Amino acid sequence: MKKGHAKLRKRAGAKAAGAHAPLVNGGVAFVDFDDRPLHRCVESALNAYFDALDGADTCGLFDLVMAEVERPMLASVMRYVSGNQSRAAEVLGLSRGTLRKKLIQHGLLED
């Protein structure tokens, strides 16, 4: 790991053992600073959102959640790879073209 990345991870409160924690089924889960898997954080945020709605109707939730998660994920990955789009695409499992489209869509890259 590069020296700068270690500082970023330390500031974010990531565990020294790594950013992924094993799941019971052998997969991995992202873990936040208080040791909750990412899916638990999303579930908690959605429950709070529904509580705030207090029974009111909503629509477009999928797009809302994707926008809330995708932009910071892209920004974090781009920082992690020091702006190298080819490396970012590899890390994300996307084609470079798809990555560029998403970066532009989220205002992280100019046309």
PDB file of N, CA and C in Angstrom:
ATOM      1  N   MET A   1       0.837  -1.177   0.000  1.00  0.00           N
ATOM      2  CA  MET A   1       0.000   0.000   0.000  1.00  0.00           C
ATOM      3  C   MET A   1       0.879   1.235   0.000  1.00  0.00           C
ATOM      4  N   LYS A   2       0.486   2.217  -0.803  1.00  0.00           N
ATOM      5  CA  LYS A   2       1.254   3.447  -0.852  1.00  0.00           C
ATOM      6  C   LYS A   2       1.124   4.195   0.460  1.00  0.00           C
ATOM      7  N   LYS A   3       2.131   4.989   0.776  1.00  0.00           N
ATOM      8  CA  LYS A   3       2.187   5.719   2.027  1.00  0.00           C
ATOM      9  C   LYS A   3       0.967   6.626   2.204  1.00  0.00           C
ATOM     10  N   GLY A   4       0.575   7.354   1.167  1.00  0.00           N
ATOM     11  CA  GLY A   4      -0.563   8.266   1.240  1.00  0.00           C
ATOM     12  C   GLY A   4      -1.872   7.549   1.496  1.00  0.00           C
ATOM     13  N   HIS A   5      -2.001   6.349   0.931  1.00  0.00           N
ATOM     14  CA  HIS A   5      -3.233   5.590   1.122  1.00  0.00           C
ATOM     15  C   HIS A   5      -3.363   5.120   2.556  1.00  0.00           C
ATOM     16  N   ALA A   6      -2.257   4.797   3.196  1.00  0.00           N
ATOM     17  CA  ALA A   6      -2.304   4.370   4.590  1.00  0.00           C
ATOM     18  C   ALA A   6      -2.838   5.503   5.456  1.00  0.00           C
ATOM     19  N   LYS A   7      -2.422   6.732   5.164  1.00  0.00           N
ATOM     20  CA  LYS A   7      -2.909   7.879   5.919  1.00  0.00           C
ATOM     21  C   LYS A   7      -4.403   8.054   5.717  1.00  0.00           C
ATOM     22  N   LEU A   8      -4.878   7.933   4.459  1.00  0.00           N
ATOM     23  CA  LEU A   8      -6.303   8.077   4.179  1.00  0.00           C
ATOM     24  C   LEU A   8      -7.103   7.030   4.934  1.00  0.00           C
ATOM     25  N   ARG A   9      -6.644   5.784   4.912  1.00  0.00           N
ATOM     26  CA  ARG A   9      -7.362   4.718   5.592  1.00  0.00           C
ATOM     27  C   ARG A   9      -7.362   4.950   7.094  1.00  0.00           C
ATOM     28  N   LYS A  10      -6.240   5.439   7.633  1.00  0.00           N
ATOM     29  CA  LYS A  10      -6.175   5.671   9.065  1.00  0.00           C
ATOM     30  C   LYS A  10      -7.149   6.779   9.463  1.00  0.00           C
ATOM     31  N   ARG A  11      -7.183   7.855   8.660  1.00  0.00           N
ATOM     32  CA  ARG A  11      -8.103   8.941   8.953  1.00  0.00           C
ATOM     33  C   ARG A  11      -9.549   8.487   8.861  1.00  0.00           C
ATOM     34  N   ALA A  12      -9.840   7.588   7.925  1.00  0.00           N
ATOM     35  CA  ALA A  12     -11.204   7.099   7.761  1.00  0.00           C
ATOM     36  C   ALA A  12     -11.566   6.096   8.853  1.00  0.00           C
ATOM     37  N   GLY A  13     -10.600   5.685   9.632  1.00  0.00           N
ATOM     38  CA  GLY A  13     -10.858   4.766  10.719  1.00  0.00           C
ATOM     39  C   GLY A  13     -10.904   3.316  10.281  1.00  0.00           C
ATOM     40  N   ALA A  14     -10.414   3.020   9.092  1.00  0.00           N
ATOM     41  CA  ALA A  14     -10.425   1.634   8.612  1.00  0.00           C
ATOM     42  C   ALA A  14      -9.487   0.796   9.465  1.00  0.00           C
ATOM     43  N   LYS A  15      -9.835  -0.440   9.624  1.00  0.00           N
ATOM     44  CA  LYS A  15      -9.009  -1.343  10.411  1.00  0.00           C
ATOM     45  C   LYS A  15      -7.714  -1.661   9.666  1.00  0.00           C
ATOM     46  N   ALA A  16      -6.652  -1.879  10.407  1.00  0.00           N
ATOM     47  CA  ALA A  16      -5.358  -2.193   9.804  1.00  0.00           C
ATOM     48  C   ALA A  16      -5.403  -3.493   9.016  1.00  0.00           C
ATOM     49  N   ALA A  17      -6.323  -4.385   9.367  1.00  0.00           N
ATOM     50  CA  ALA A  17      -6.417  -5.676   8.690  1.00  0.00           C
ATOM     51  C   ALA A  17      -6.942  -5.548   7.271  1.00  0.00           C
ATOM     52  N   GLY A  18      -7.531  -4.441   6.927  1.00  0.00           N
ATOM     53  CA  GLY A  18      -8.017  -4.248   5.569  1.00  0.00           C
ATOM     54  C   GLY A  18      -9.401  -3.653   5.537  1.00  0.00           C
ATOM     55  N   ALA A  19      -9.814  -3.238   4.342  1.00  0.00           N
ATOM     56  CA  ALA A  19     -11.099  -2.577   4.179  1.00  0.00           C
ATOM     57  C   ALA A  19     -12.231  -3.574   3.998  1.00  0.00           C
ATOM     58  N   HIS A  20     -11.929  -4.853   3.879  1.00  0.00           N
ATOM     59  CA  HIS A  20     -12.961  -5.859   3.698  1.00  0.00           C
ATOM     60  C   HIS A  20     -12.957  -6.818   4.873  1.00  0.00           C
ATOM     61  N   ALA A  21     -14.132  -7.206   5.280  1.00  0.00           N
ATOM     62  CA  ALA A  21     -14.254  -8.183   6.356  1.00  0.00           C
ATOM     63  C   ALA A  21     -14.934  -9.426   5.809  1.00  0.00           C
ATOM     64  N   PRO A  22     -14.514 -10.600   6.246  1.00  0.00           N
ATOM     65  CA  PRO A  22     -15.124 -11.830   5.731  1.00  0.00           C
ATOM     66  C   PRO A  22     -16.570 -11.970   6.189  1.00  0.00           C
ATOM     67  N   LEU A  23     -17.399 -12.516   5.314  1.00  0.00           N
ATOM     68  CA  LEU A  23     -18.776 -12.830   5.652  1.00  0.00           C
ATOM     69  C   LEU A  23     -18.867 -14.315   5.982  1.00  0.00           C
ATOM     70  N   VAL A  24     -19.954 -14.696   6.582  1.00  0.00           N
ATOM     71  CA  VAL A  24     -20.159 -16.092   6.942  1.00  0.00           C
ATOM     72  C   VAL A  24     -20.122 -16.983   5.710  1.00  0.00           C
ATOM     73  N   ASN A  25     -20.677 -16.502   4.583  1.00  0.00           N
ATOM     74  CA  ASN A  25     -20.744 -17.319   3.372  1.00  0.00           C
ATOM     75  C   ASN A  25     -19.449 -17.296   2.565  1.00  0.00           C
ATOM     76  N   GLY A  26     -18.397 -16.718   3.092  1.00  0.00           N
ATOM     77  CA  GLY A  26     -17.110 -16.706   2.413  1.00  0.00           C
ATOM     78  C   GLY A  26     -16.884 -15.501   1.531  1.00  0.00           C
ATOM     79  N   GLY A  27     -17.883 -14.628   1.372  1.00  0.00           N
ATOM     80  CA  GLY A  27     -17.736 -13.415   0.583  1.00  0.00           C
ATOM     81  C   GLY A  27     -17.036 -12.343   1.389  1.00  0.00           C
ATOM     82  N   VAL A  28     -17.106 -11.117   0.916  1.00  0.00           N
ATOM     83  CA  VAL A  28     -16.538  -9.998   1.663  1.00  0.00           C
ATOM     84  C   VAL A  28     -17.567  -8.881   1.737  1.00  0.00           C
ATOM     85  N   ALA A  29     -17.421  -8.037   2.727  1.00  0.00           N
ATOM     86  CA  ALA A  29     -18.301  -6.876   2.886  1.00  0.00           C
ATOM     87  C   ALA A  29     -17.435  -5.682   3.239  1.00  0.00           C
ATOM     88  N   PHE A  30     -17.788  -4.523   2.744  1.00  0.00           N
ATOM     89  CA  PHE A  30     -17.107  -3.310   3.141  1.00  0.00           C
ATOM     90  C   PHE A  30     -17.545  -2.984   4.555  1.00  0.00           C
ATOM     91  N   VAL A  31     -16.630  -2.483   5.361  1.00  0.00           N
ATOM     92  CA  VAL A  31     -16.927  -2.178   6.748  1.00  0.00           C
ATOM     93  C   VAL A  31     -16.625  -0.705   6.978  1.00  0.00           C
ATOM     94  N   ASP A  32     -17.536  -0.012   7.651  1.00  0.00           N
ATOM     95  CA  ASP A  32     -17.304   1.400   7.910  1.00  0.00           C
ATOM     96  C   ASP A  32     -16.534   1.584   9.212  1.00  0.00           C
ATOM     97  N   PHE A  33     -16.388   2.831   9.641  1.00  0.00           N
ATOM     98  CA  PHE A  33     -15.532   3.143  10.774  1.00  0.00           C
ATOM     99  C   PHE A  33     -16.018   2.551  12.092  1.00  0.00           C
ATOM    100  N   ASP A  34     -17.284   2.205  12.189  1.00  0.00           N
ATOM    101  CA  ASP A  34     -17.747   1.629  13.443  1.00  0.00           C
ATOM    102  C   ASP A  34     -18.019   0.134  13.316  1.00  0.00           C
ATOM    103  N   ASP A  35     -17.365  -0.496  12.361  1.00  0.00           N
ATOM    104  CA  ASP A  35     -17.387  -1.946  12.161  1.00  0.00           C
ATOM    105  C   ASP A  35     -18.712  -2.515  11.659  1.00  0.00           C
ATOM    106  N   ARG A  36     -19.593  -1.663  11.137  1.00  0.00           N
ATOM    107  CA  ARG A  36     -20.822  -2.177  10.525  1.00  0.00           C
ATOM    108  C   ARG A  36     -20.553  -2.430   9.045  1.00  0.00           C
ATOM    109  N   PRO A  37     -21.006  -3.568   8.529  1.00  0.00           N
ATOM    110  CA  PRO A  37     -20.866  -3.789   7.081  1.00  0.00           C
ATOM    111  C   PRO A  37     -21.645  -2.728   6.311  1.00  0.00           C
ATOM    112  N   LEU A  38     -21.186  -2.412   5.123  1.00  0.00           N
ATOM    113  CA  LEU A  38     -21.812  -1.377   4.306  1.00  0.00           C
ATOM    114  C   LEU A  38     -23.303  -1.634   4.124  1.00  0.00           C
ATOM    115  N   HIS A  39     -23.684  -2.887   3.898  1.00  0.00           N
ATOM    116  CA  HIS A  39     -25.108  -3.157   3.682  1.00  0.00           C
ATOM    117  C   HIS A  39     -25.947  -2.806   4.914  1.00  0.00           C
ATOM    118  N   ARG A  40     -25.372  -2.916   6.097  1.00  0.00           N
ATOM    119  CA  ARG A  40     -26.102  -2.520   7.311  1.00  0.00           C
ATOM    120  C   ARG A  40     -26.252  -0.998   7.374  1.00  0.00           C
ATOM    121  N   CYS A  41     -25.231  -0.281   6.944  1.00  0.00           N
ATOM    122  CA  CYS A  41     -25.311   1.184   6.917  1.00  0.00           C
ATOM    123  C   CYS A  41     -26.395   1.641   5.942  1.00  0.00           C
ATOM    124  N   VAL A  42     -26.446   1.004   4.778  1.00  0.00           N
ATOM    125  CA  VAL A  42     -27.463   1.345   3.782  1.00  0.00           C
ATOM    126  C   VAL A  42     -28.848   1.034   4.337  1.00  0.00           C
ATOM    127  N   GLU A  43     -28.990  -0.142   4.935  1.00  0.00           N
ATOM    128  CA  GLU A  43     -30.280  -0.531   5.511  1.00  0.00           C
ATOM    129  C   GLU A  43     -30.720   0.456   6.584  1.00  0.00           C
ATOM    130  N   SER A  44     -29.796   0.857   7.435  1.00  0.00           N
ATOM    131  CA  SER A  44     -30.101   1.815   8.497  1.00  0.00           C
ATOM    132  C   SER A  44     -30.522   3.163   7.913  1.00  0.00           C
ATOM    133  N   ALA A  45     -29.810   3.620   6.889  1.00  0.00           N
ATOM    134  CA  ALA A  45     -30.148   4.893   6.253  1.00  0.00           C
ATOM    135  C   ALA A  45     -31.528   4.827   5.593  1.00  0.00           C
ATOM    136  N   LEU A  46     -31.821   3.717   4.944  1.00  0.00           N
ATOM    137  CA  LEU A  46     -33.131   3.567   4.312  1.00  0.00           C
ATOM    138  C   LEU A  46     -34.246   3.500   5.353  1.00  0.00           C
ATOM    139  N   ASN A  47     -34.005   2.807   6.452  1.00  0.00           N
ATOM    140  CA  ASN A  47     -35.012   2.771   7.521  1.00  0.00           C
ATOM    141  C   ASN A  47     -35.273   4.163   8.072  1.00  0.00           C
ATOM    142  N   ALA A  48     -34.232   4.949   8.253  1.00  0.00           N
ATOM    143  CA  ALA A  48     -34.397   6.331   8.728  1.00  0.00           C
ATOM    144  C   ALA A  48     -35.164   7.165   7.688  1.00  0.00           C
ATOM    145  N   TYR A  49     -34.886   6.938   6.416  1.00  0.00           N
ATOM    146  CA  TYR A  49     -35.591   7.639   5.335  1.00  0.00           C
ATOM    147  C   TYR A  49     -37.081   7.316   5.379  1.00  0.00           C
ATOM    148  N   PHE A  50     -37.418   6.020   5.500  1.00  0.00           N
ATOM    149  CA  PHE A  50     -38.818   5.622   5.558  1.00  0.00           C
ATOM    150  C   PHE A  50     -39.500   6.154   6.811  1.00  0.00           C
ATOM    151  N   ASP A  51     -38.790   6.167   7.918  1.00  0.00           N
ATOM    152  CA  ASP A  51     -39.350   6.740   9.147  1.00  0.00           C
ATOM    153  C   ASP A  51     -39.659   8.224   8.960  1.00  0.00           C
ATOM    154  N   ALA A  52     -38.751   8.936   8.292  1.00  0.00           N
ATOM    155  CA  ALA A  52     -38.946  10.371   8.050  1.00  0.00           C
ATOM    156  C   ALA A  52     -40.131  10.620   7.113  1.00  0.00           C
ATOM    157  N   LEU A  53     -40.405   9.680   6.217  1.00  0.00           N
ATOM    158  CA  LEU A  53     -41.556   9.828   5.314  1.00  0.00           C
ATOM    159  C   LEU A  53     -42.870   9.758   6.078  1.00  0.00           C
ATOM    160  N   ASP A  54     -42.855   9.057   7.193  1.00  0.00           N
ATOM    161  CA  ASP A  54     -44.035   8.942   8.053  1.00  0.00           C
ATOM    162  C   ASP A  54     -45.277   8.529   7.264  1.00  0.00           C
ATOM    163  N   GLY A  55     -45.095   7.507   6.398  1.00  0.00           N
ATOM    164  CA  GLY A  55     -46.224   6.977   5.646  1.00  0.00           C
ATOM    165  C   GLY A  55     -46.497   7.659   4.318  1.00  0.00           C
ATOM    166  N   ALA A  56     -45.812   8.759   4.033  1.00  0.00           N
ATOM    167  CA  ALA A  56     -46.017   9.461   2.761  1.00  0.00           C
ATOM    168  C   ALA A  56     -45.463   8.617   1.614  1.00  0.00           C
ATOM    169  N   ASP A  57     -46.026   8.800   0.433  1.00  0.00           N
ATOM    170  CA  ASP A  57     -45.564   8.076  -0.740  1.00  0.00           C
ATOM    171  C   ASP A  57     -44.219   8.615  -1.215  1.00  0.00           C
ATOM    172  N   THR A  58     -43.473   7.756  -1.861  1.00  0.00           N
ATOM    173  CA  THR A  58     -42.201   8.145  -2.457  1.00  0.00           C
ATOM    174  C   THR A  58     -42.050   7.419  -3.781  1.00  0.00           C
ATOM    175  N   CYS A  59     -41.195   7.905  -4.641  1.00  0.00           N
ATOM    176  CA  CYS A  59     -40.897   7.215  -5.896  1.00  0.00           C
ATOM    177  C   CYS A  59     -39.464   7.566  -6.296  1.00  0.00           C
ATOM    178  N   GLY A  60     -38.913   6.775  -7.173  1.00  0.00           N
ATOM    179  CA  GLY A  60     -37.547   7.027  -7.629  1.00  0.00           C
ATOM    180  C   GLY A  60     -36.486   6.688  -6.609  1.00  0.00           C
ATOM    181  N   LEU A  61     -36.818   5.811  -5.687  1.00  0.00           N
ATOM    182  CA  LEU A  61     -35.888   5.478  -4.606  1.00  0.00           C
ATOM    183  C   LEU A  61     -34.615   4.824  -5.128  1.00  0.00           C
ATOM    184  N   PHE A  62     -34.739   3.948  -6.111  1.00  0.00           N
ATOM    185  CA  PHE A  62     -33.555   3.278  -6.657  1.00  0.00           C
ATOM    186  C   PHE A  62     -32.552   4.300  -7.182  1.00  0.00           C
ATOM    187  N   ASP A  63     -33.021   5.245  -7.992  1.00  0.00           N
ATOM    188  CA  ASP A  63     -32.121   6.269  -8.537  1.00  0.00           C
ATOM    189  C   ASP A  63     -31.520   7.134  -7.438  1.00  0.00           C
ATOM    190  N   LEU A  64     -32.321   7.451  -6.426  1.00  0.00           N
ATOM    191  CA  LEU A  64     -31.829   8.248  -5.306  1.00  0.00           C
ATOM    192  C   LEU A  64     -30.689   7.528  -4.586  1.00  0.00           C
ATOM    193  N   VAL A  65     -30.900   6.253  -4.272  1.00  0.00           N
ATOM    194  CA  VAL A  65     -29.876   5.487  -3.555  1.00  0.00           C
ATOM    195  C   VAL A  65     -28.632   5.317  -4.415  1.00  0.00           C
ATOM    196  N   MET A  66     -28.806   4.994  -5.690  1.00  0.00           N
ATOM    197  CA  MET A  66     -27.653   4.813  -6.574  1.00  0.00           C
ATOM    198  C   MET A  66     -26.833   6.101  -6.671  1.00  0.00           C
ATOM    199  N   ALA A  67     -27.514   7.237  -6.795  1.00  0.00           N
ATOM    200  CA  ALA A  67     -26.798   8.520  -6.873  1.00  0.00           C
ATOM    201  C   ALA A  67     -26.058   8.816  -5.574  1.00  0.00           C
ATOM    202  N   GLU A  68     -26.685   8.497  -4.444  1.00  0.00           N
ATOM    203  CA  GLU A  68     -26.058   8.754  -3.152  1.00  0.00           C
ATOM    204  C   GLU A  68     -24.840   7.872  -2.908  1.00  0.00           C
ATOM    205  N   VAL A  69     -24.845   6.668  -3.445  1.00  0.00           N
ATOM    206  CA  VAL A  69     -23.754   5.718  -3.216  1.00  0.00           C
ATOM    207  C   VAL A  69     -22.700   5.804  -4.319  1.00  0.00           C
ATOM    208  N   GLU A  70     -23.154   5.927  -5.562  1.00  0.00           N
ATOM    209  CA  GLU A  70     -22.235   5.853  -6.697  1.00  0.00           C
ATOM    210  C   GLU A  70     -21.233   7.010  -6.739  1.00  0.00           C
ATOM    211  N   ARG A  71     -21.693   8.233  -6.515  1.00  0.00           N
ATOM    212  CA  ARG A  71     -20.791   9.383  -6.606  1.00  0.00           C
ATOM    213  C   ARG A  71     -19.645   9.310  -5.589  1.00  0.00           C
ATOM    214  N   PRO A  72     -19.928   9.105  -4.296  1.00  0.00           N
ATOM    215  CA  PRO A  72     -18.801   9.023  -3.352  1.00  0.00           C
ATOM    216  C   PRO A  72     -17.905   7.814  -3.606  1.00  0.00           C
ATOM    217  N   MET A  73     -18.493   6.713  -4.106  1.00  0.00           N
ATOM    218  CA  MET A  73     -17.670   5.545  -4.430  1.00  0.00           C
ATOM    219  C   MET A  73     -16.706   5.889  -5.558  1.00  0.00           C
ATOM    220  N   LEU A  74     -17.213   6.530  -6.604  1.00  0.00           N
ATOM    221  CA  LEU A  74     -16.350   6.912  -7.727  1.00  0.00           C
ATOM    222  C   LEU A  74     -15.267   7.885  -7.277  1.00  0.00           C
ATOM    223  N   ALA A  75     -15.648   8.874  -6.481  1.00  0.00           N
ATOM    224  CA  ALA A  75     -14.677   9.864  -5.998  1.00  0.00           C
ATOM    225  C   ALA A  75     -13.596   9.195  -5.154  1.00  0.00           C
ATOM    226  N   SER A  76     -14.000   8.282  -4.285  1.00  0.00           N
ATOM    227  CA  SER A  76     -13.028   7.587  -3.430  1.00  0.00           C
ATOM    228  C   SER A  76     -12.074   6.730  -4.243  1.00  0.00           C
ATOM    229  N   VAL A  77     -12.624   6.004  -5.215  1.00  0.00           N
ATOM    230  CA  VAL A  77     -11.769   5.159  -6.052  1.00  0.00           C
ATOM    231  C   VAL A  77     -10.805   6.024  -6.859  1.00  0.00           C
ATOM    232  N   MET A  78     -11.269   7.132  -7.398  1.00  0.00           N
ATOM    233  CA  MET A  78     -10.382   8.007  -8.179  1.00  0.00           C
ATOM    234  C   MET A  78      -9.258   8.562  -7.306  1.00  0.00           C
ATOM    235  N   ARG A  79      -9.558   8.888  -6.055  1.00  0.00           N
ATOM    236  CA  ARG A  79      -8.496   9.326  -5.137  1.00  0.00           C
ATOM    237  C   ARG A  79      -7.528   8.181  -4.870  1.00  0.00           C
ATOM    238  N   TYR A  80      -8.071   6.996  -4.649  1.00  0.00           N
ATOM    239  CA  TYR A  80      -7.251   5.828  -4.336  1.00  0.00           C
ATOM    240  C   TYR A  80      -6.256   5.513  -5.446  1.00  0.00           C
ATOM    241  N   VAL A  81      -6.673   5.703  -6.700  1.00  0.00           N
ATOM    242  CA  VAL A  81      -5.808   5.390  -7.842  1.00  0.00           C
ATOM    243  C   VAL A  81      -5.138   6.652  -8.405  1.00  0.00           C
ATOM    244  N   SER A  82      -5.162   7.718  -7.647  1.00  0.00           N
ATOM    245  CA  SER A  82      -4.528   8.989  -8.027  1.00  0.00           C
ATOM    246  C   SER A  82      -4.985   9.476  -9.403  1.00  0.00           C
ATOM    247  N   GLY A  83      -6.274   9.319  -9.690  1.00  0.00           N
ATOM    248  CA  GLY A  83      -6.841   9.837 -10.924  1.00  0.00           C
ATOM    249  C   GLY A  83      -6.634   8.967 -12.156  1.00  0.00           C
ATOM    250  N   ASN A  84      -6.012   7.830 -12.017  1.00  0.00           N
ATOM    251  CA  ASN A  84      -5.751   6.943 -13.153  1.00  0.00           C
ATOM    252  C   ASN A  84      -7.044   6.212 -13.526  1.00  0.00           C
ATOM    253  N   GLN A  85      -7.650   6.633 -14.642  1.00  0.00           N
ATOM    254  CA  GLN A  85      -8.942   6.090 -15.046  1.00  0.00           C
ATOM    255  C   GLN A  85      -8.865   4.613 -15.421  1.00  0.00           C
ATOM    256  N   SER A  86      -7.797   4.199 -16.049  1.00  0.00           N
ATOM    257  CA  SER A  86      -7.663   2.786 -16.413  1.00  0.00           C
ATOM    258  C   SER A  86      -7.614   1.921 -15.163  1.00  0.00           C
ATOM    259  N   ARG A  87      -6.863   2.350 -14.188  1.00  0.00           N
ATOM    260  CA  ARG A  87      -6.765   1.605 -12.927  1.00  0.00           C
ATOM    261  C   ARG A  87      -8.099   1.631 -12.185  1.00  0.00           C
ATOM    262  N   ALA A  88      -8.774   2.789 -12.182  1.00  0.00           N
ATOM    263  CA  ALA A  88     -10.074   2.902 -11.517  1.00  0.00           C
ATOM    264  C   ALA A  88     -11.090   1.963 -12.155  1.00  0.00           C
ATOM    265  N   ALA A  89     -11.094   1.907 -13.476  1.00  0.00           N
ATOM    266  CA  ALA A  89     -12.008   1.015 -14.184  1.00  0.00           C
ATOM    267  C   ALA A  89     -11.739  -0.432 -13.783  1.00  0.00           C
ATOM    268  N   GLU A  90     -10.473  -0.776 -13.665  1.00  0.00           N
ATOM    269  CA  GLU A  90     -10.094  -2.133 -13.259  1.00  0.00           C
ATOM    270  C   GLU A  90     -10.566  -2.425 -11.839  1.00  0.00           C
ATOM    271  N   VAL A  91     -10.331  -1.485 -10.931  1.00  0.00           N
ATOM    272  CA  VAL A  91     -10.734  -1.655  -9.536  1.00  0.00           C
ATOM    273  C   VAL A  91     -12.252  -1.844  -9.430  1.00  0.00           C
ATOM    274  N   LEU A  92     -12.998  -1.088 -10.224  1.00  0.00           N
ATOM    275  CA  LEU A  92     -14.456  -1.122 -10.168  1.00  0.00           C
ATOM    276  C   LEU A  92     -15.075  -2.253 -10.993  1.00  0.00           C
ATOM    277  N   GLY A  93     -14.277  -2.841 -11.873  1.00  0.00           N
ATOM    278  CA  GLY A  93     -14.818  -3.877 -12.743  1.00  0.00           C
ATOM    279  C   GLY A  93     -15.679  -3.316 -13.858  1.00  0.00           C
ATOM    280  N   LEU A  94     -15.336  -2.110 -14.304  1.00  0.00           N
ATOM    281  CA  LEU A  94     -16.058  -1.435 -15.385  1.00  0.00           C
ATOM    282  C   LEU A  94     -15.134  -1.252 -16.573  1.00  0.00           C
ATOM    283  N   SER A  95     -15.723  -1.008 -17.737  1.00  0.00           N
ATOM    284  CA  SER A  95     -14.894  -0.604 -18.866  1.00  0.00           C
ATOM    285  C   SER A  95     -14.492   0.852 -18.631  1.00  0.00           C
ATOM    286  N   ARG A  96     -13.418   1.270 -19.242  1.00  0.00           N
ATOM    287  CA  ARG A  96     -12.961   2.650 -19.071  1.00  0.00           C
ATOM    288  C   ARG A  96     -14.009   3.627 -19.608  1.00  0.00           C
ATOM    289  N   GLY A  97     -14.663   3.251 -20.711  1.00  0.00           N
ATOM    290  CA  GLY A  97     -15.711   4.098 -21.281  1.00  0.00           C
ATOM    291  C   GLY A  97     -16.890   4.288 -20.338  1.00  0.00           C
ATOM    292  N   THR A  98     -17.304   3.206 -19.689  1.00  0.00           N
ATOM    293  CA  THR A  98     -18.403   3.292 -18.722  1.00  0.00           C
ATOM    294  C   THR A  98     -17.991   4.137 -17.531  1.00  0.00           C
ATOM    295  N   LEU A  99     -16.759   3.962 -17.074  1.00  0.00           N
ATOM    296  CA  LEU A  99     -16.263   4.778 -15.969  1.00  0.00           C
ATOM    297  C   LEU A  99     -16.306   6.250 -16.338  1.00  0.00           C
ATOM    298  N   ARG A 100     -15.801   6.594 -17.515  1.00  0.00           N
ATOM    299  CA  ARG A 100     -15.793   8.004 -17.947  1.00  0.00           C
ATOM    300  C   ARG A 100     -17.209   8.563 -17.998  1.00  0.00           C
ATOM    301  N   LYS A 101     -18.149   7.773 -18.522  1.00  0.00           N
ATOM    302  CA  LYS A 101     -19.548   8.206 -18.602  1.00  0.00           C
ATOM    303  C   LYS A 101     -20.089   8.507 -17.205  1.00  0.00           C
ATOM    304  N   LYS A 102     -19.788   7.641 -16.248  1.00  0.00           N
ATOM    305  CA  LYS A 102     -20.270   7.825 -14.890  1.00  0.00           C
ATOM    306  C   LYS A 102     -19.581   9.016 -14.206  1.00  0.00           C
ATOM    307  N   LEU A 103     -18.298   9.193 -14.453  1.00  0.00           N
ATOM    308  CA  LEU A 103     -17.586  10.341 -13.883  1.00  0.00           C
ATOM    309  C   LEU A 103     -18.175  11.651 -14.388  1.00  0.00           C
ATOM    310  N   ILE A 104     -18.472  11.708 -15.680  1.00  0.00           N
ATOM    311  CA  ILE A 104     -19.091  12.902 -16.262  1.00  0.00           C
ATOM    312  C   ILE A 104     -20.485  13.111 -15.688  1.00  0.00           C
ATOM    313  N   GLN A 105     -21.261  12.039 -15.621  1.00  0.00           N
ATOM    314  CA  GLN A 105     -22.636  12.080 -15.107  1.00  0.00           C
ATOM    315  C   GLN A 105     -22.682  12.640 -13.687  1.00  0.00           C
ATOM    316  N   HIS A 106     -21.696  12.330 -12.892  1.00  0.00           N
ATOM    317  CA  HIS A 106     -21.666  12.772 -11.497  1.00  0.00           C
ATOM    318  C   HIS A 106     -20.837  14.048 -11.290  1.00  0.00           C
ATOM    319  N   GLY A 107     -20.420  14.668 -12.385  1.00  0.00           N
ATOM    320  CA  GLY A 107     -19.675  15.920 -12.264  1.00  0.00           C
ATOM    321  C   GLY A 107     -18.265  15.744 -11.745  1.00  0.00           C
ATOM    322  N   LEU A 108     -17.699  14.561 -11.896  1.00  0.00           N
ATOM    323  CA  LEU A 108     -16.344  14.297 -11.428  1.00  0.00           C
ATOM    324  C   LEU A 108     -15.317  14.386 -12.540  1.00  0.00           C
ATOM    325  N   LEU A 109     -15.789  14.625 -13.770  1.00  0.00           N
ATOM    326  CA  LEU A 109     -14.921  14.744 -14.932  1.00  0.00           C
ATOM    327  C   LEU A 109     -15.633  15.604 -15.950  1.00  0.00           C
ATOM    328  N   GLU A 110     -14.912  16.505 -16.536  1.00  0.00           N
ATOM    329  CA  GLU A 110     -15.523  17.368 -17.554  1.00  0.00           C
ATOM    330  C   GLU A 110     -15.487  16.689 -18.900  1.00  0.00           C
ATOM    331  N   ASP A 111     -16.483  17.004 -19.753  1.00  0.00           N
ATOM    332  CA  ASP A 111     -16.563  16.432 -21.104  1.00  0.00           C
ATOM    333  C   ASP A 111     -15.286  16.605 -21.873  1.00  0.00           C
TER     334      ASP A 111
END
